[in-house]
Amino acid sequence: MNSLNPEMLVLGGELAATGEPFVSAVRESIERFAQPGIARELRIELGALDGRSELIGAAALALSVAAPGS
């Protein structure tokens, strides 16, 4: 958070399946440990890909290698 200062953080995986309690815990940790002001503008969302994110990412990578510049 301190180095990249992203606009959005997307949470996924098994822990994200717990929903809002996980988002709240992540936000609290960021507010506690990040430099002041970082968490104020940060959007934290739960991923919508469920358990398919690794598969979709691998397919996207394979397509980008197979068809560079597309």
N, C-alpha and C. Protein backbone atom coordinates (compact mmCIF):
# COMPACT_ATOMS: atom_id res chain seq x y z
N MET A 1 0.81 -1.18 0.00
CA MET A 1 0.00 0.00 0.00
C MET A 1 0.86 1.26 0.00
N ASN A 2 1.86 1.27 0.84
CA ASN A 2 2.69 2.47 0.95
C ASN A 2 3.47 2.75 -0.33
N SER A 3 3.94 1.72 -0.99
CA SER A 3 4.76 1.92 -2.18
C SER A 3 3.93 2.20 -3.43
N LEU A 4 2.86 1.45 -3.61
CA LEU A 4 2.08 1.54 -4.84
C LEU A 4 0.91 2.52 -4.76
N ASN A 5 0.36 2.71 -3.57
CA ASN A 5 -0.79 3.58 -3.36
C ASN A 5 -1.89 3.32 -4.40
N PRO A 6 -2.42 2.09 -4.45
CA PRO A 6 -3.42 1.76 -5.45
C PRO A 6 -4.76 2.44 -5.17
N GLU A 7 -5.59 2.54 -6.20
CA GLU A 7 -6.94 3.08 -6.03
C GLU A 7 -7.90 2.01 -5.53
N MET A 8 -7.61 0.74 -5.90
CA MET A 8 -8.51 -0.34 -5.53
C MET A 8 -7.72 -1.58 -5.16
N LEU A 9 -8.24 -2.32 -4.20
CA LEU A 9 -7.68 -3.61 -3.80
C LEU A 9 -8.80 -4.63 -3.97
N VAL A 10 -8.56 -5.66 -4.78
CA VAL A 10 -9.55 -6.71 -5.00
C VAL A 10 -9.10 -7.95 -4.24
N LEU A 11 -9.95 -8.43 -3.36
CA LEU A 11 -9.64 -9.59 -2.53
C LEU A 11 -10.30 -10.82 -3.11
N GLY A 12 -9.57 -11.92 -3.13
CA GLY A 12 -10.12 -13.16 -3.64
C GLY A 12 -9.62 -14.33 -2.83
N GLY A 13 -9.96 -15.51 -3.27
CA GLY A 13 -9.51 -16.72 -2.60
C GLY A 13 -10.48 -17.18 -1.52
N GLU A 14 -10.04 -18.17 -0.79
CA GLU A 14 -10.90 -18.79 0.22
C GLU A 14 -11.29 -17.83 1.33
N LEU A 15 -10.37 -17.00 1.77
CA LEU A 15 -10.69 -16.06 2.85
C LEU A 15 -11.71 -15.02 2.41
N ALA A 16 -11.65 -14.63 1.15
CA ALA A 16 -12.60 -13.63 0.65
C ALA A 16 -14.02 -14.16 0.64
N ALA A 17 -14.16 -15.48 0.63
CA ALA A 17 -15.49 -16.08 0.65
C ALA A 17 -16.24 -15.75 1.95
N THR A 18 -15.52 -15.30 2.98
CA THR A 18 -16.18 -14.92 4.23
C THR A 18 -16.92 -13.60 4.10
N GLY A 19 -16.61 -12.83 3.06
CA GLY A 19 -17.36 -11.61 2.78
C GLY A 19 -16.91 -10.39 3.56
N GLU A 20 -17.89 -9.64 4.01
CA GLU A 20 -17.65 -8.34 4.64
C GLU A 20 -16.75 -8.40 5.88
N PRO A 21 -16.82 -9.41 6.72
CA PRO A 21 -15.89 -9.44 7.86
C PRO A 21 -14.43 -9.43 7.43
N PHE A 22 -14.12 -10.11 6.33
CA PHE A 22 -12.74 -10.13 5.82
C PHE A 22 -12.35 -8.76 5.28
N VAL A 23 -13.26 -8.13 4.53
CA VAL A 23 -13.00 -6.80 4.00
C VAL A 23 -12.75 -5.81 5.14
N SER A 24 -13.55 -5.88 6.18
CA SER A 24 -13.38 -4.98 7.33
C SER A 24 -12.04 -5.20 8.02
N ALA A 25 -11.65 -6.47 8.16
CA ALA A 25 -10.37 -6.77 8.81
C ALA A 25 -9.19 -6.26 7.98
N VAL A 26 -9.28 -6.42 6.67
CA VAL A 26 -8.21 -5.92 5.80
C VAL A 26 -8.14 -4.40 5.89
N ARG A 27 -9.30 -3.74 5.82
CA ARG A 27 -9.32 -2.28 5.91
C ARG A 27 -8.71 -1.80 7.24
N GLU A 28 -9.07 -2.43 8.34
CA GLU A 28 -8.53 -2.06 9.65
C GLU A 28 -7.01 -2.22 9.67
N SER A 29 -6.50 -3.31 9.09
CA SER A 29 -5.05 -3.52 9.06
C SER A 29 -4.35 -2.45 8.23
N ILE A 30 -4.94 -2.11 7.10
CA ILE A 30 -4.35 -1.08 6.26
C ILE A 30 -4.35 0.26 6.98
N GLU A 31 -5.47 0.60 7.61
CA GLU A 31 -5.54 1.86 8.35
C GLU A 31 -4.52 1.90 9.48
N ARG A 32 -4.27 0.76 10.07
CA ARG A 32 -3.34 0.70 11.20
C ARG A 32 -1.88 0.78 10.76
N PHE A 33 -1.53 0.09 9.67
CA PHE A 33 -0.12 -0.06 9.31
C PHE A 33 0.34 0.78 8.13
N ALA A 34 -0.56 1.25 7.30
CA ALA A 34 -0.16 2.05 6.13
C ALA A 34 0.10 3.49 6.57
N GLN A 35 0.80 4.21 5.72
CA GLN A 35 1.06 5.62 6.00
C GLN A 35 -0.28 6.37 6.06
N PRO A 36 -0.35 7.41 6.84
CA PRO A 36 -1.61 8.16 6.98
C PRO A 36 -2.13 8.64 5.62
N GLY A 37 -3.44 8.53 5.44
CA GLY A 37 -4.08 9.01 4.23
C GLY A 37 -4.21 7.98 3.13
N ILE A 38 -3.45 6.89 3.20
CA ILE A 38 -3.49 5.88 2.14
C ILE A 38 -4.86 5.20 2.10
N ALA A 39 -5.36 4.78 3.23
CA ALA A 39 -6.60 3.99 3.28
C ALA A 39 -7.84 4.84 3.01
N ARG A 40 -7.74 6.12 3.15
CA ARG A 40 -8.92 6.98 2.99
C ARG A 40 -9.51 6.87 1.59
N GLU A 41 -8.67 6.83 0.58
CA GLU A 41 -9.12 6.82 -0.81
C GLU A 41 -9.21 5.41 -1.40
N LEU A 42 -8.78 4.40 -0.67
CA LEU A 42 -8.69 3.05 -1.19
C LEU A 42 -10.05 2.35 -1.21
N ARG A 43 -10.41 1.82 -2.39
CA ARG A 43 -11.61 0.99 -2.50
C ARG A 43 -11.19 -0.46 -2.30
N ILE A 44 -11.90 -1.17 -1.45
CA ILE A 44 -11.64 -2.59 -1.24
C ILE A 44 -12.88 -3.35 -1.67
N GLU A 45 -12.70 -4.25 -2.64
CA GLU A 45 -13.81 -5.01 -3.21
C GLU A 45 -13.50 -6.50 -3.13
N LEU A 46 -14.55 -7.30 -3.14
CA LEU A 46 -14.40 -8.74 -3.23
C LEU A 46 -14.41 -9.13 -4.70
N GLY A 47 -13.51 -10.03 -5.09
CA GLY A 47 -13.44 -10.49 -6.47
C GLY A 47 -14.70 -11.24 -6.86
N ALA A 48 -15.04 -11.17 -8.13
CA ALA A 48 -16.26 -11.82 -8.63
C ALA A 48 -15.96 -13.11 -9.37
N LEU A 49 -14.71 -13.54 -9.41
CA LEU A 49 -14.35 -14.72 -10.18
C LEU A 49 -14.40 -16.01 -9.38
N ASP A 50 -14.70 -15.93 -8.12
CA ASP A 50 -14.75 -17.10 -7.24
C ASP A 50 -13.45 -17.88 -7.35
N GLY A 51 -13.51 -19.17 -7.55
CA GLY A 51 -12.33 -20.01 -7.62
C GLY A 51 -11.72 -20.09 -9.01
N ARG A 52 -12.20 -19.28 -9.94
CA ARG A 52 -11.73 -19.35 -11.32
C ARG A 52 -10.65 -18.34 -11.65
N SER A 53 -10.24 -17.52 -10.72
CA SER A 53 -9.31 -16.44 -11.04
C SER A 53 -7.97 -16.95 -11.57
N GLU A 54 -7.46 -18.03 -10.99
CA GLU A 54 -6.18 -18.58 -11.46
C GLU A 54 -6.32 -19.10 -12.89
N LEU A 55 -7.43 -19.78 -13.18
CA LEU A 55 -7.66 -20.32 -14.51
C LEU A 55 -7.80 -19.20 -15.54
N ILE A 56 -8.55 -18.18 -15.21
CA ILE A 56 -8.74 -17.06 -16.14
C ILE A 56 -7.43 -16.32 -16.36
N GLY A 57 -6.66 -16.12 -15.29
CA GLY A 57 -5.36 -15.46 -15.43
C GLY A 57 -4.39 -16.27 -16.28
N ALA A 58 -4.37 -17.58 -16.09
CA ALA A 58 -3.49 -18.44 -16.89
C ALA A 58 -3.90 -18.42 -18.36
N ALA A 59 -5.20 -18.43 -18.62
CA ALA A 59 -5.67 -18.38 -20.00
C ALA A 59 -5.32 -17.04 -20.64
N ALA A 60 -5.47 -15.96 -19.90
CA ALA A 60 -5.13 -14.63 -20.43
C ALA A 60 -3.64 -14.54 -20.74
N LEU A 61 -2.82 -15.09 -19.87
CA LEU A 61 -1.37 -15.09 -20.12
C LEU A 61 -1.03 -15.92 -21.36
N ALA A 62 -1.63 -17.09 -21.48
CA ALA A 62 -1.37 -17.94 -22.64
C ALA A 62 -1.78 -17.24 -23.93
N LEU A 63 -2.93 -16.58 -23.92
CA LEU A 63 -3.39 -15.85 -25.10
C LEU A 63 -2.45 -14.70 -25.45
N SER A 64 -1.96 -14.00 -24.42
CA SER A 64 -1.07 -12.87 -24.70
C SER A 64 0.27 -13.33 -25.28
N VAL A 65 0.72 -14.50 -24.89
CA VAL A 65 1.97 -15.06 -25.43
C VAL A 65 1.74 -15.61 -26.84
N ALA A 66 0.60 -16.25 -27.05
CA ALA A 66 0.29 -16.86 -28.35
C ALA A 66 0.00 -15.81 -29.42
N ALA A 67 -0.58 -14.68 -29.01
CA ALA A 67 -0.94 -13.64 -29.96
C ALA A 67 -0.43 -12.29 -29.46
N PRO A 68 0.90 -12.08 -29.48
CA PRO A 68 1.44 -10.82 -28.98
C PRO A 68 0.91 -9.62 -29.77
N GLY A 69 0.67 -8.54 -29.05
CA GLY A 69 0.19 -7.32 -29.67
C GLY A 69 -1.30 -7.28 -29.90
N SER A 70 -2.02 -8.33 -29.51
CA SER A 70 -3.47 -8.34 -29.73
C SER A 70 -4.20 -7.75 -28.56
